[in-house]
């Protein structure tokens, strides 16, 4: 994959949603809760006002509605600003 986020953007691979069952009923994908953590795949160069703190390979926590979902090579990723990341695990 050849993608390079610009400025203070970060490409994140979300952790898979947990499979939950309730009394033998399997919850469909559309009802699963969106994961709030993932792995950093690529980062931009930052801006003159904000240097990049995260690095590829970091596991991060982000807000529930953070980022824009994109699909590359059949895999779903999120691209977001570094400021949308809440913590590095």
N, C-alpha and C. Protein backbone atom coordinates (compact mmCIF):
# COMPACT_ATOMS: atom_id res chain seq x y z
N UNK A 1 0.85 -1.17 0.00
CA UNK A 1 0.00 0.00 0.00
C UNK A 1 0.90 1.24 0.00
N UNK A 2 0.57 2.17 -0.87
CA UNK A 2 1.36 3.39 -0.99
C UNK A 2 0.46 4.59 -0.72
N UNK A 3 0.28 4.92 0.54
CA UNK A 3 -0.51 6.10 0.90
C UNK A 3 0.27 6.90 1.92
N UNK A 4 0.33 8.20 1.72
CA UNK A 4 1.05 9.11 2.61
C UNK A 4 0.09 10.22 3.03
N UNK A 5 -0.39 10.21 4.28
CA UNK A 5 -1.26 11.28 4.74
C UNK A 5 -0.53 12.63 4.69
N UNK A 6 -1.28 13.70 4.48
CA UNK A 6 -0.70 15.03 4.40
C UNK A 6 -0.83 15.76 5.73
N UNK A 7 0.06 16.71 5.96
CA UNK A 7 0.06 17.60 7.13
C UNK A 7 -0.03 16.81 8.43
N UNK A 8 -1.05 17.07 9.25
CA UNK A 8 -1.15 16.42 10.56
C UNK A 8 -2.15 15.26 10.55
N UNK A 9 -2.31 14.62 9.40
CA UNK A 9 -3.26 13.52 9.28
C UNK A 9 -2.58 12.19 9.61
N UNK A 10 -3.40 11.23 10.08
CA UNK A 10 -2.92 9.91 10.50
C UNK A 10 -3.82 8.85 9.88
N UNK A 11 -3.24 7.78 9.34
CA UNK A 11 -4.00 6.65 8.82
C UNK A 11 -4.02 5.57 9.88
N UNK A 12 -5.23 5.15 10.29
CA UNK A 12 -5.40 4.19 11.38
C UNK A 12 -6.17 2.97 10.89
N UNK A 13 -5.69 1.79 11.26
CA UNK A 13 -6.40 0.54 11.02
C UNK A 13 -7.19 0.22 12.29
N UNK A 14 -8.54 0.36 12.26
CA UNK A 14 -9.32 0.11 13.46
C UNK A 14 -9.21 -1.34 13.92
N UNK A 15 -9.25 -1.53 15.24
CA UNK A 15 -9.28 -2.89 15.79
C UNK A 15 -10.61 -3.51 15.39
N UNK A 16 -10.66 -4.82 15.18
CA UNK A 16 -11.93 -5.45 14.79
C UNK A 16 -12.98 -5.31 15.89
N UNK A 17 -14.24 -5.11 15.49
CA UNK A 17 -15.34 -5.02 16.45
C UNK A 17 -15.52 -6.37 17.12
N UNK A 18 -15.81 -6.32 18.41
CA UNK A 18 -15.99 -7.57 19.16
C UNK A 18 -17.29 -8.23 18.76
N UNK A 19 -17.25 -9.54 18.58
CA UNK A 19 -18.43 -10.33 18.25
C UNK A 19 -19.19 -10.60 19.54
N UNK A 20 -20.43 -10.15 19.60
CA UNK A 20 -21.23 -10.34 20.81
C UNK A 20 -22.47 -11.17 20.49
N UNK A 21 -22.84 -11.98 21.44
CA UNK A 21 -24.09 -12.72 21.32
C UNK A 21 -24.92 -12.46 22.56
N UNK A 22 -26.21 -12.40 22.35
CA UNK A 22 -27.13 -12.20 23.46
C UNK A 22 -28.09 -13.38 23.47
N UNK A 23 -27.92 -14.25 24.44
CA UNK A 23 -28.80 -15.41 24.54
C UNK A 23 -28.83 -16.25 23.28
N UNK A 24 -27.70 -16.40 22.61
CA UNK A 24 -27.63 -17.21 21.41
C UNK A 24 -27.93 -16.44 20.14
N UNK A 25 -28.31 -15.17 20.25
CA UNK A 25 -28.58 -14.33 19.08
C UNK A 25 -27.30 -13.58 18.73
N UNK A 26 -26.86 -13.70 17.49
CA UNK A 26 -25.65 -13.02 17.04
C UNK A 26 -26.04 -11.63 16.53
N UNK A 27 -25.34 -10.63 17.03
CA UNK A 27 -25.60 -9.25 16.64
C UNK A 27 -25.03 -9.02 15.23
N UNK A 28 -25.82 -8.47 14.29
CA UNK A 28 -25.30 -8.22 12.93
C UNK A 28 -24.25 -7.11 12.93
N UNK A 29 -23.43 -7.07 11.86
CA UNK A 29 -22.36 -6.08 11.74
C UNK A 29 -22.88 -4.65 11.88
N UNK A 30 -24.06 -4.38 11.35
CA UNK A 30 -24.58 -3.01 11.38
C UNK A 30 -24.91 -2.55 12.79
N UNK A 31 -25.12 -3.46 13.72
CA UNK A 31 -25.46 -3.10 15.09
C UNK A 31 -24.27 -3.16 16.04
N UNK A 32 -23.12 -3.61 15.53
CA UNK A 32 -21.93 -3.68 16.38
C UNK A 32 -21.43 -2.29 16.71
N UNK A 33 -20.89 -2.15 17.89
CA UNK A 33 -20.35 -0.86 18.30
C UNK A 33 -19.02 -0.61 17.60
N UNK A 34 -18.85 0.60 17.12
CA UNK A 34 -17.63 0.99 16.41
C UNK A 34 -16.44 0.92 17.37
N UNK A 35 -15.33 0.29 16.97
CA UNK A 35 -14.17 0.22 17.86
C UNK A 35 -13.58 1.62 18.08
N UNK A 36 -12.99 1.82 19.24
CA UNK A 36 -12.42 3.11 19.58
C UNK A 36 -10.91 3.08 19.68
N UNK A 37 -10.30 1.98 19.21
CA UNK A 37 -8.84 1.92 19.19
C UNK A 37 -8.39 1.28 17.90
N UNK A 38 -7.13 1.53 17.57
CA UNK A 38 -6.59 0.99 16.34
C UNK A 38 -5.09 1.19 16.28
N UNK A 39 -4.50 0.73 15.18
CA UNK A 39 -3.05 0.83 14.98
C UNK A 39 -2.75 1.90 13.94
N UNK A 40 -1.75 2.71 14.22
CA UNK A 40 -1.32 3.73 13.27
C UNK A 40 -0.54 3.05 12.16
N UNK A 41 -0.94 3.30 10.91
CA UNK A 41 -0.29 2.69 9.75
C UNK A 41 0.67 3.69 9.10
N UNK A 42 0.24 4.94 8.94
CA UNK A 42 1.07 5.97 8.31
C UNK A 42 0.72 7.33 8.90
N UNK A 43 1.69 8.25 8.86
CA UNK A 43 1.47 9.61 9.38
C UNK A 43 1.96 10.63 8.37
N UNK A 44 1.43 11.85 8.48
CA UNK A 44 1.91 12.96 7.66
C UNK A 44 3.16 13.57 8.28
N UNK A 45 3.62 14.65 7.69
CA UNK A 45 4.84 15.31 8.17
C UNK A 45 4.58 16.29 9.30
N UNK A 46 3.32 16.57 9.61
CA UNK A 46 2.99 17.56 10.62
C UNK A 46 2.90 18.93 9.98
N UNK A 47 2.67 19.93 10.83
CA UNK A 47 2.63 21.31 10.36
C UNK A 47 3.66 22.10 11.14
N UNK A 48 3.86 23.36 10.75
CA UNK A 48 4.84 24.17 11.48
C UNK A 48 4.39 24.45 12.90
N UNK A 49 3.06 24.35 13.16
CA UNK A 49 2.53 24.60 14.50
C UNK A 49 2.36 23.33 15.32
N UNK A 50 2.34 22.18 14.65
CA UNK A 50 2.09 20.92 15.37
C UNK A 50 2.99 19.81 14.84
N UNK A 51 3.90 19.34 15.70
CA UNK A 51 4.77 18.23 15.29
C UNK A 51 4.04 16.92 15.56
N UNK A 52 4.40 15.91 14.81
CA UNK A 52 3.74 14.62 14.94
C UNK A 52 4.28 13.88 16.17
N UNK A 53 3.37 13.45 17.03
CA UNK A 53 3.72 12.74 18.26
C UNK A 53 3.57 11.24 18.05
N UNK A 54 2.54 10.84 17.31
CA UNK A 54 2.33 9.41 17.06
C UNK A 54 3.27 8.94 15.96
N UNK A 55 3.50 7.64 15.92
CA UNK A 55 4.35 7.06 14.88
C UNK A 55 3.73 5.75 14.41
N UNK A 56 4.07 5.30 13.22
CA UNK A 56 3.52 4.03 12.73
C UNK A 56 3.81 2.90 13.72
N UNK A 57 2.79 2.07 13.95
CA UNK A 57 2.92 0.96 14.89
C UNK A 57 2.30 1.25 16.24
N UNK A 58 2.06 2.54 16.57
CA UNK A 58 1.41 2.89 17.84
C UNK A 58 -0.03 2.40 17.85
N UNK A 59 -0.49 1.97 19.03
CA UNK A 59 -1.91 1.67 19.23
C UNK A 59 -2.51 2.89 19.90
N UNK A 60 -3.60 3.40 19.32
CA UNK A 60 -4.17 4.66 19.79
C UNK A 60 -5.66 4.52 20.11
N UNK A 61 -6.14 5.40 20.97
CA UNK A 61 -7.56 5.56 21.25
C UNK A 61 -8.02 6.83 20.57
N UNK A 62 -9.22 6.79 19.98
CA UNK A 62 -9.75 7.97 19.30
C UNK A 62 -11.23 8.11 19.60
N UNK A 63 -11.79 9.26 19.30
CA UNK A 63 -13.20 9.54 19.57
C UNK A 63 -14.12 8.68 18.72
N UNK A 64 -15.34 8.51 19.19
CA UNK A 64 -16.32 7.64 18.54
C UNK A 64 -16.62 8.06 17.11
N UNK A 65 -16.65 9.35 16.84
CA UNK A 65 -16.99 9.83 15.50
C UNK A 65 -15.79 10.46 14.80
N UNK A 66 -14.60 10.13 15.22
CA UNK A 66 -13.38 10.71 14.65
C UNK A 66 -13.07 10.11 13.29
N UNK A 67 -12.53 10.92 12.42
CA UNK A 67 -11.99 10.46 11.16
C UNK A 67 -12.99 10.19 10.07
N UNK A 68 -12.45 9.89 8.90
CA UNK A 68 -13.21 9.54 7.71
C UNK A 68 -12.84 8.13 7.32
N UNK A 69 -13.85 7.29 7.11
CA UNK A 69 -13.59 5.89 6.75
C UNK A 69 -13.28 5.80 5.26
N UNK A 70 -12.19 5.11 4.94
CA UNK A 70 -11.81 4.86 3.55
C UNK A 70 -11.52 3.38 3.39
N UNK A 71 -11.62 2.88 2.17
CA UNK A 71 -11.33 1.47 1.91
C UNK A 71 -10.21 1.38 0.89
N UNK A 72 -9.16 0.64 1.25
CA UNK A 72 -8.00 0.43 0.38
C UNK A 72 -7.69 -1.06 0.34
N UNK A 73 -7.59 -1.61 -0.85
CA UNK A 73 -7.26 -3.03 -1.03
C UNK A 73 -8.19 -3.93 -0.22
N UNK A 74 -9.48 -3.57 -0.13
CA UNK A 74 -10.46 -4.40 0.58
C UNK A 74 -10.43 -4.26 2.09
N UNK A 75 -9.59 -3.39 2.63
CA UNK A 75 -9.46 -3.19 4.08
C UNK A 75 -9.99 -1.80 4.42
N UNK A 76 -10.71 -1.68 5.54
CA UNK A 76 -11.26 -0.39 5.95
C UNK A 76 -10.30 0.31 6.92
N UNK A 77 -10.03 1.58 6.63
CA UNK A 77 -9.13 2.41 7.43
C UNK A 77 -9.85 3.69 7.83
N UNK A 78 -9.28 4.38 8.80
CA UNK A 78 -9.73 5.72 9.16
C UNK A 78 -8.59 6.68 8.92
N UNK A 79 -8.92 7.84 8.35
CA UNK A 79 -7.91 8.89 8.24
C UNK A 79 -8.43 10.06 9.06
N UNK A 80 -7.60 10.54 9.98
CA UNK A 80 -8.03 11.58 10.92
C UNK A 80 -6.87 12.51 11.24
N UNK A 81 -7.20 13.63 11.83
CA UNK A 81 -6.17 14.55 12.31
C UNK A 81 -5.56 13.99 13.59
N UNK A 82 -4.31 14.31 13.82
CA UNK A 82 -3.65 13.85 15.04
C UNK A 82 -4.40 14.36 16.28
N UNK A 83 -5.02 15.52 16.20
CA UNK A 83 -5.75 16.08 17.35
C UNK A 83 -7.00 15.29 17.70
N UNK A 84 -7.48 14.42 16.78
CA UNK A 84 -8.63 13.55 17.07
C UNK A 84 -8.23 12.34 17.91
N UNK A 85 -6.93 12.09 18.03
CA UNK A 85 -6.44 10.96 18.82
C UNK A 85 -6.39 11.38 20.28
N UNK A 86 -7.00 10.55 21.13
CA UNK A 86 -7.11 10.89 22.55
C UNK A 86 -5.91 10.41 23.36
N UNK A 87 -5.36 9.23 23.01
CA UNK A 87 -4.25 8.68 23.80
C UNK A 87 -3.49 7.63 22.99
N UNK A 88 -2.25 7.43 23.38
CA UNK A 88 -1.43 6.35 22.83
C UNK A 88 -1.35 5.27 23.90
N UNK A 89 -1.65 4.03 23.53
CA UNK A 89 -1.61 2.93 24.50
C UNK A 89 -0.23 2.31 24.54
